């Protein structure tokens, strides 16, 4: 699908049905890149982090900040902390082998024992942290029709989607009166390279984080000035 080059300032809203498991920033451009890659290359059964080449020829319906530079990124905010982030919580996911079925395990003719302390059948009781919200908002500069097309098949956001977390009831993409994709009233709405905040009066927290998706790729990580979680 070809995106239009007539970009505009937009607000994107995901109305949620369930809580979201994610870091506090939940970048929207990562969701859009995943969908654009599926549209370009087809669905994948699995992806190994760092194992696939960066798909630089996947076009996105988003404007680019610093095009052609090493520190380029999409004009797309991270999830905005609003009063409707009503709560934070912790849950657990569990994995435990039922030793009553140990006799059914095929050890390929050798003597064996099922160990739940380590190895393939290791038992897990892992914490997961989530945010409860009625909706999530982002701001970006892009093609409204293209973004709507990509989000039309996004049913969940965040982690553990197969278990029902982060279910989206509906998306809304609408024109917005200002460009808040990077800055809003002098505050960052997403991480930005340190050179982009040089000379600013505000003090920003600096951390190593991805400047663009895929955020786990080391090639995309650099020191960034990051926004605060709670608004004043």
C-alpha atoms as a PDB file:
ATOM      1  CA  UNK A   1       0.000   0.000   0.000  1.00  0.00           C
ATOM      2  CA  UNK A   2       1.367   3.427  -0.956  1.00  0.00           C
ATOM      3  CA  UNK A   3       1.123   6.140   1.679  1.00  0.00           C
ATOM      4  CA  UNK A   4       0.212   9.685   0.821  1.00  0.00           C
ATOM      5  CA  UNK A   5       2.916  12.324   1.230  1.00  0.00           C
ATOM      6  CA  UNK A   6       0.476  14.894   2.619  1.00  0.00           C
ATOM      7  CA  UNK A   7       1.224  14.476   6.321  1.00  0.00           C
ATOM      8  CA  UNK A   8      -0.627  16.303   9.101  1.00  0.00           C
ATOM      9  CA  UNK A   9      -0.617  16.503  12.888  1.00  0.00           C
ATOM     10  CA  UNK A  10      -2.721  13.715  14.379  1.00  0.00           C
ATOM     11  CA  UNK A  11      -3.917  12.271  17.662  1.00  0.00           C
ATOM     12  CA  UNK A  12      -4.223   8.479  17.870  1.00  0.00           C
ATOM     13  CA  UNK A  13      -6.329   6.916  20.627  1.00  0.00           C
ATOM     14  CA  UNK A  14      -6.665   3.246  21.582  1.00  0.00           C
ATOM     15  CA  UNK A  15      -9.759   2.543  23.679  1.00  0.00           C
ATOM     16  CA  UNK A  16      -8.928  -0.466  25.840  1.00  0.00           C
ATOM     17  CA  UNK A  17     -10.884  -3.446  27.121  1.00  0.00           C
ATOM     18  CA  UNK A  18      -8.141  -4.881  29.359  1.00  0.00           C
ATOM     19  CA  UNK A  19      -5.019  -3.735  31.211  1.00  0.00           C
ATOM     20  CA  UNK A  20      -1.718  -3.291  29.356  1.00  0.00           C
ATOM     21  CA  UNK A  21       1.595  -5.012  30.083  1.00  0.00           C
ATOM     22  CA  UNK A  22       4.320  -2.717  28.807  1.00  0.00           C
ATOM     23  CA  UNK A  23       7.032  -0.321  29.773  1.00  0.00           C
ATOM     24  CA  UNK A  24       5.710   3.124  30.613  1.00  0.00           C
ATOM     25  CA  UNK A  25       6.252   4.519  27.117  1.00  0.00           C
ATOM     26  CA  UNK A  26       4.631   1.993  24.733  1.00  0.00           C
ATOM     27  CA  UNK A  27       5.864   3.537  21.434  1.00  0.00           C
ATOM     28  CA  UNK A  28       3.233   3.629  18.690  1.00  0.00           C
ATOM     29  CA  UNK A  29       5.737   3.688  15.823  1.00  0.00           C
ATOM     30  CA  UNK A  30       6.824   0.170  16.824  1.00  0.00           C
ATOM     31  CA  UNK A  31       3.230  -1.050  16.457  1.00  0.00           C
ATOM     32  CA  UNK A  32       2.941   0.626  13.062  1.00  0.00           C
ATOM     33  CA  UNK A  33       6.280  -0.760  11.814  1.00  0.00           C
ATOM     34  CA  UNK A  34       5.235  -4.282  12.774  1.00  0.00           C
ATOM     35  CA  UNK A  35       1.987  -3.914  10.846  1.00  0.00           C
ATOM     36  CA  UNK A  36       3.707  -2.291   7.853  1.00  0.00           C
ATOM     37  CA  UNK A  37       6.261  -5.123   7.756  1.00  0.00           C
ATOM     38  CA  UNK A  38       3.480  -7.723   7.806  1.00  0.00           C
ATOM     39  CA  UNK A  39       1.783  -5.907   4.959  1.00  0.00           C
ATOM     40  CA  UNK A  40       5.034  -5.774   2.973  1.00  0.00           C
ATOM     41  CA  UNK A  41       6.453  -9.241   3.693  1.00  0.00           C
ATOM     42  CA  UNK A  42       3.536 -11.299   5.048  1.00  0.00           C
ATOM     43  CA  UNK A  43       3.010 -12.828   8.479  1.00  0.00           C
ATOM     44  CA  UNK A  44       5.859 -14.501  10.361  1.00  0.00           C
ATOM     45  CA  UNK A  45       5.467 -17.388  12.756  1.00  0.00           C
ATOM     46  CA  UNK A  46       8.193 -16.081  15.065  1.00  0.00           C
ATOM     47  CA  UNK A  47      10.861 -13.395  15.221  1.00  0.00           C
ATOM     48  CA  UNK A  48      14.170 -13.797  17.017  1.00  0.00           C
ATOM     49  CA  UNK A  49      15.302 -10.496  18.591  1.00  0.00           C
ATOM     50  CA  UNK A  50      18.300  -9.194  16.671  1.00  0.00           C
ATOM     51  CA  UNK A  51      18.117 -12.030  14.191  1.00  0.00           C
ATOM     52  CA  UNK A  52      16.363 -10.356  11.298  1.00  0.00           C
ATOM     53  CA  UNK A  53      17.788  -7.558   9.134  1.00  0.00           C
ATOM     54  CA  UNK A  54      16.389  -4.090   9.562  1.00  0.00           C
ATOM     55  CA  UNK A  55      13.732  -3.632   6.900  1.00  0.00           C
ATOM     56  CA  UNK A  56      14.774  -0.185   5.739  1.00  0.00           C
ATOM     57  CA  UNK A  57      12.637  -0.472   2.607  1.00  0.00           C
ATOM     58  CA  UNK A  58       9.393  -0.662   4.614  1.00  0.00           C
ATOM     59  CA  UNK A  59       7.723   2.706   4.189  1.00  0.00           C
ATOM     60  CA  UNK A  60       5.805   4.154   7.092  1.00  0.00           C
ATOM     61  CA  UNK A  61       2.930   6.661   6.995  1.00  0.00           C
ATOM     62  CA  UNK A  62       4.890   8.878   9.388  1.00  0.00           C
ATOM     63  CA  UNK A  63       7.109  11.906   8.973  1.00  0.00           C
ATOM     64  CA  UNK A  64      10.810  11.465   9.789  1.00  0.00           C
ATOM     65  CA  UNK A  65      12.857  13.748  12.016  1.00  0.00           C
ATOM     66  CA  UNK A  66      16.479  14.201  10.822  1.00  0.00           C
ATOM     67  CA  UNK A  67      16.049  12.129   7.633  1.00  0.00           C
ATOM     68  CA  UNK A  68      19.300  10.648   6.387  1.00  0.00           C
ATOM     69  CA  UNK A  69      21.086  11.136   9.710  1.00  0.00           C
ATOM     70  CA  UNK A  70      22.209   8.343  12.029  1.00  0.00           C
ATOM     71  CA  UNK A  71      19.927   9.586  14.790  1.00  0.00           C
ATOM     72  CA  UNK A  72      16.754   9.813  12.656  1.00  0.00           C
ATOM     73  CA  UNK A  73      13.434   8.864  14.187  1.00  0.00           C
ATOM     74  CA  UNK A  74       9.719   9.037  13.446  1.00  0.00           C
ATOM     75  CA  UNK A  75       7.624  12.072  14.363  1.00  0.00           C
ATOM     76  CA  UNK A  76       5.531   9.990  16.726  1.00  0.00           C
ATOM     77  CA  UNK A  77       5.167  10.395  20.478  1.00  0.00           C
ATOM     78  CA  UNK A  78       5.270   7.656  23.062  1.00  0.00           C
ATOM     79  CA  UNK A  79       2.181   6.850  25.141  1.00  0.00           C
ATOM     80  CA  UNK A  80       1.082   9.958  26.977  1.00  0.00           C
ATOM     81  CA  UNK A  81       0.594   9.803  30.769  1.00  0.00           C
ATOM     82  CA  UNK A  82      -2.898  11.099  31.370  1.00  0.00           C
ATOM     83  CA  UNK A  83      -5.269  11.059  34.365  1.00  0.00           C
ATOM     84  CA  UNK A  84      -6.903   7.976  32.911  1.00  0.00           C
ATOM     85  CA  UNK A  85      -3.862   5.871  33.873  1.00  0.00           C
ATOM     86  CA  UNK A  86      -5.931   4.862  36.868  1.00  0.00           C
ATOM     87  CA  UNK A  87      -3.680   2.229  38.456  1.00  0.00           C
ATOM     88  CA  UNK A  88      -0.518   0.168  38.240  1.00  0.00           C
ATOM     89  CA  UNK A  89      -0.331  -3.448  39.358  1.00  0.00           C
ATOM     90  CA  UNK A  90       1.582  -6.706  39.407  1.00  0.00           C
ATOM     91  CA  UNK A  91       0.422 -10.160  38.380  1.00  0.00           C
ATOM     92  CA  UNK A  92       2.191 -13.437  37.610  1.00  0.00           C
ATOM     93  CA  UNK A  93       2.395 -15.959  34.817  1.00  0.00           C
ATOM     94  CA  UNK A  94       3.124 -19.560  35.694  1.00  0.00           C
ATOM     95  CA  UNK A  95       4.512 -22.612  33.965  1.00  0.00           C
ATOM     96  CA  UNK A  96       4.697 -25.972  35.725  1.00  0.00           C
ATOM     97  CA  UNK A  97       4.999 -29.471  34.321  1.00  0.00           C
ATOM     98  CA  UNK A  98       2.477 -31.967  35.675  1.00  0.00           C
ATOM     99  CA  UNK A  99       4.780 -34.720  36.966  1.00  0.00           C
ATOM    100  CA  UNK A 100       1.850 -37.133  36.788  1.00  0.00           C
ATOM    101  CA  UNK A 101       2.495 -37.286  33.040  1.00  0.00           C
ATOM    102  CA  UNK A 102       6.261 -37.816  33.331  1.00  0.00           C
ATOM    103  CA  UNK A 103       5.928 -41.407  32.047  1.00  0.00           C
ATOM    104  CA  UNK A 104       4.725 -40.038  28.684  1.00  0.00           C
ATOM    105  CA  UNK A 105       7.932 -38.114  28.001  1.00  0.00           C
ATOM    106  CA  UNK A 106      10.011 -39.658  25.201  1.00  0.00           C
ATOM    107  CA  UNK A 107      13.666 -39.799  26.308  1.00  0.00           C
ATOM    108  CA  UNK A 108      14.605 -41.463  22.998  1.00  0.00           C
ATOM    109  CA  UNK A 109      15.362 -44.838  24.471  1.00  0.00           C
ATOM    110  CA  UNK A 110      17.521 -43.503  27.279  1.00  0.00           C
ATOM    111  CA  UNK A 111      16.875 -43.339  30.987  1.00  0.00           C
ATOM    112  CA  UNK A 112      15.688 -39.927  31.995  1.00  0.00           C
ATOM    113  CA  UNK A 113      13.975 -37.895  34.650  1.00  0.00           C
ATOM    114  CA  UNK A 114      11.819 -34.803  34.397  1.00  0.00           C
ATOM    115  CA  UNK A 115      13.438 -31.948  36.338  1.00  0.00           C
ATOM    116  CA  UNK A 116      11.279 -28.947  37.151  1.00  0.00           C
ATOM    117  CA  UNK A 117      14.199 -27.106  38.766  1.00  0.00           C
ATOM    118  CA  UNK A 118      16.041 -26.495  35.480  1.00  0.00           C
ATOM    119  CA  UNK A 119      16.110 -27.259  31.787  1.00  0.00           C
ATOM    120  CA  UNK A 120      13.235 -27.755  29.374  1.00  0.00           C
ATOM    121  CA  UNK A 121      10.645 -28.505  32.060  1.00  0.00           C
ATOM    122  CA  UNK A 122      11.701 -25.840  34.526  1.00  0.00           C
ATOM    123  CA  UNK A 123       8.814 -24.356  36.539  1.00  0.00           C
ATOM    124  CA  UNK A 124       8.271 -20.603  36.405  1.00  0.00           C
ATOM    125  CA  UNK A 125       6.445 -18.095  38.589  1.00  0.00           C
ATOM    126  CA  UNK A 126       7.242 -14.795  36.881  1.00  0.00           C
ATOM    127  CA  UNK A 127       5.956 -11.329  37.794  1.00  0.00           C
ATOM    128  CA  UNK A 128       4.420  -9.053  35.179  1.00  0.00           C
ATOM    129  CA  UNK A 129       3.707  -5.368  35.708  1.00  0.00           C
ATOM    130  CA  UNK A 130       0.721  -3.714  34.079  1.00  0.00           C
ATOM    131  CA  UNK A 131      -1.094  -0.405  33.733  1.00  0.00           C
ATOM    132  CA  UNK A 132      -4.849  -0.055  34.000  1.00  0.00           C
ATOM    133  CA  UNK A 133      -6.323   2.552  31.677  1.00  0.00           C
ATOM    134  CA  UNK A 134      -9.492   3.324  29.775  1.00  0.00           C
ATOM    135  CA  UNK A 135      -7.496   4.500  26.784  1.00  0.00           C
ATOM    136  CA  UNK A 136      -4.028   5.395  25.536  1.00  0.00           C
ATOM    137  CA  UNK A 137      -3.154   8.463  23.447  1.00  0.00           C
ATOM    138  CA  UNK A 138      -0.294   9.251  21.091  1.00  0.00           C
ATOM    139  CA  UNK A 139       0.513  12.241  18.855  1.00  0.00           C
ATOM    140  CA  UNK A 140       2.220  12.025  15.490  1.00  0.00           C
ATOM    141  CA  UNK A 141       2.705  13.632  12.085  1.00  0.00           C
ATOM    142  CA  UNK A 142       1.629  11.330   9.303  1.00  0.00           C
ATOM    143  CA  UNK A 143      -0.952  10.106   6.830  1.00  0.00           C
ATOM    144  CA  UNK A 144      -4.272   9.615   8.600  1.00  0.00           C
ATOM    145  CA  UNK A 145      -5.630   7.137   6.042  1.00  0.00           C
ATOM    146  CA  UNK A 146      -2.439   5.067   6.094  1.00  0.00           C
ATOM    147  CA  UNK A 147      -2.296   4.916   9.897  1.00  0.00           C
ATOM    148  CA  UNK A 148      -5.954   3.923  10.076  1.00  0.00           C
ATOM    149  CA  UNK A 149      -5.299   1.133   7.577  1.00  0.00           C
ATOM    150  CA  UNK A 150      -2.410  -0.270   9.619  1.00  0.00           C
ATOM    151  CA  UNK A 151      -4.274  -0.062  12.928  1.00  0.00           C
ATOM    152  CA  UNK A 152      -7.441  -1.639  11.531  1.00  0.00           C
ATOM    153  CA  UNK A 153      -6.087  -5.129  12.275  1.00  0.00           C
ATOM    154  CA  UNK A 154      -4.371  -4.306  15.604  1.00  0.00           C
ATOM    155  CA  UNK A 155      -6.474  -5.983  18.284  1.00  0.00           C
ATOM    156  CA  UNK A 156      -4.004  -5.784  21.197  1.00  0.00           C
ATOM    157  CA  UNK A 157      -1.036  -3.684  22.359  1.00  0.00           C
ATOM    158  CA  UNK A 158       1.767  -4.478  24.790  1.00  0.00           C
ATOM    159  CA  UNK A 159       2.953  -7.888  25.955  1.00  0.00           C
ATOM    160  CA  UNK A 160       1.137 -11.176  26.682  1.00  0.00           C
ATOM    161  CA  UNK A 161      -1.483 -10.426  24.050  1.00  0.00           C
ATOM    162  CA  UNK A 162      -2.225 -14.107  23.536  1.00  0.00           C
ATOM    163  CA  UNK A 163      -3.394 -14.198  27.167  1.00  0.00           C
ATOM    164  CA  UNK A 164      -5.792 -11.304  26.603  1.00  0.00           C
ATOM    165  CA  UNK A 165      -3.740  -8.409  27.942  1.00  0.00           C
ATOM    166  CA  UNK A 166      -3.892  -5.064  26.141  1.00  0.00           C
ATOM    167  CA  UNK A 167      -7.103  -5.776  24.203  1.00  0.00           C
ATOM    168  CA  UNK A 168      -8.257  -2.801  22.117  1.00  0.00           C
ATOM    169  CA  UNK A 169     -11.963  -2.209  21.589  1.00  0.00           C
ATOM    170  CA  UNK A 170     -11.494   0.499  18.947  1.00  0.00           C
ATOM    171  CA  UNK A 171      -8.990   2.951  17.465  1.00  0.00           C
ATOM    172  CA  UNK A 172      -9.503   6.608  16.646  1.00  0.00           C
ATOM    173  CA  UNK A 173      -7.188   8.673  14.431  1.00  0.00           C
ATOM    174  CA  UNK A 174      -8.078  12.354  14.151  1.00  0.00           C
ATOM    175  CA  UNK A 175      -6.474  15.625  13.031  1.00  0.00           C
ATOM    176  CA  UNK A 176      -4.927  17.618  15.855  1.00  0.00           C
ATOM    177  CA  UNK A 177      -4.410  21.357  16.166  1.00  0.00           C
ATOM    178  CA  UNK A 178      -0.704  21.171  17.073  1.00  0.00           C
ATOM    179  CA  UNK A 179       2.320  19.002  16.435  1.00  0.00           C
ATOM    180  CA  UNK A 180       2.929  17.220  19.751  1.00  0.00           C
ATOM    181  CA  UNK A 181       4.885  14.350  18.237  1.00  0.00           C
ATOM    182  CA  UNK A 182       8.122  15.330  20.050  1.00  0.00           C
ATOM    183  CA  UNK A 183       7.384  18.404  22.195  1.00  0.00           C
ATOM    184  CA  UNK A 184       4.354  19.663  24.101  1.00  0.00           C
ATOM    185  CA  UNK A 185       4.518  22.912  26.044  1.00  0.00           C
ATOM    186  CA  UNK A 186       8.270  22.629  26.382  1.00  0.00           C
ATOM    187  CA  UNK A 187       8.177  19.015  27.579  1.00  0.00           C
ATOM    188  CA  UNK A 188       9.220  15.932  25.638  1.00  0.00           C
ATOM    189  CA  UNK A 189       6.496  13.549  24.507  1.00  0.00           C
ATOM    190  CA  UNK A 190       9.020  10.910  23.419  1.00  0.00           C
ATOM    191  CA  UNK A 191      12.721  10.157  23.733  1.00  0.00           C
ATOM    192  CA  UNK A 192      14.968  12.427  21.690  1.00  0.00           C
ATOM    193  CA  UNK A 193      18.717  12.362  20.972  1.00  0.00           C
ATOM    194  CA  UNK A 194      20.663  14.497  23.417  1.00  0.00           C
ATOM    195  CA  UNK A 195      21.670  16.936  20.669  1.00  0.00           C
ATOM    196  CA  UNK A 196      17.991  17.753  20.144  1.00  0.00           C
ATOM    197  CA  UNK A 197      17.656  19.109  23.699  1.00  0.00           C
ATOM    198  CA  UNK A 198      20.950  21.001  23.811  1.00  0.00           C
ATOM    199  CA  UNK A 199      20.423  24.537  25.046  1.00  0.00           C
ATOM    200  CA  UNK A 200      17.022  23.798  26.560  1.00  0.00           C
ATOM    201  CA  UNK A 201      16.361  25.293  29.978  1.00  0.00           C
ATOM    202  CA  UNK A 202      14.723  22.119  31.297  1.00  0.00           C
ATOM    203  CA  UNK A 203      16.781  19.347  32.888  1.00  0.00           C
ATOM    204  CA  UNK A 204      16.151  15.994  31.211  1.00  0.00           C
ATOM    205  CA  UNK A 205      16.861  12.503  32.401  1.00  0.00           C
ATOM    206  CA  UNK A 206      19.257  10.703  30.042  1.00  0.00           C
ATOM    207  CA  UNK A 207      19.092   6.956  29.479  1.00  0.00           C
ATOM    208  CA  UNK A 208      20.074   4.365  26.890  1.00  0.00           C
ATOM    209  CA  UNK A 209      16.982   3.535  24.845  1.00  0.00           C
ATOM    210  CA  UNK A 210      15.933   2.938  21.268  1.00  0.00           C
ATOM    211  CA  UNK A 211      15.416   6.039  19.181  1.00  0.00           C
ATOM    212  CA  UNK A 212      13.251   4.180  16.658  1.00  0.00           C
ATOM    213  CA  UNK A 213      11.826   0.675  16.167  1.00  0.00           C
ATOM    214  CA  UNK A 214      12.836  -2.013  16.530  1.00  0.00           C
ATOM    215  CA  UNK A 215      13.658  -0.660  19.974  1.00  0.00           C
ATOM    216  CA  UNK A 216      15.512  -3.778  21.128  1.00  0.00           C
ATOM    217  CA  UNK A 217      18.087  -3.535  18.323  1.00  0.00           C
ATOM    218  CA  UNK A 218      21.398  -2.220  19.603  1.00  0.00           C
ATOM    219  CA  UNK A 219      21.926  -0.373  16.327  1.00  0.00           C
ATOM    220  CA  UNK A 220      18.896   1.777  17.189  1.00  0.00           C
ATOM    221  CA  UNK A 221      19.864   2.497  20.789  1.00  0.00           C
ATOM    222  CA  UNK A 222      21.676   5.610  21.966  1.00  0.00           C
ATOM    223  CA  UNK A 223      21.619   8.069  24.888  1.00  0.00           C
ATOM    224  CA  UNK A 224      18.245   9.797  24.824  1.00  0.00           C
ATOM    225  CA  UNK A 225      16.590  12.546  26.781  1.00  0.00           C
ATOM    226  CA  UNK A 226      13.365  10.897  27.966  1.00  0.00           C
ATOM    227  CA  UNK A 227      10.091  12.410  29.138  1.00  0.00           C
ATOM    228  CA  UNK A 228       8.928  12.257  32.721  1.00  0.00           C
ATOM    229  CA  UNK A 229       6.220   9.757  33.587  1.00  0.00           C
ATOM    230  CA  UNK A 230       3.917  12.039  35.589  1.00  0.00           C
ATOM    231  CA  UNK A 231       2.813  15.390  34.318  1.00  0.00           C
ATOM    232  CA  UNK A 232       2.956  18.381  36.640  1.00  0.00           C
END
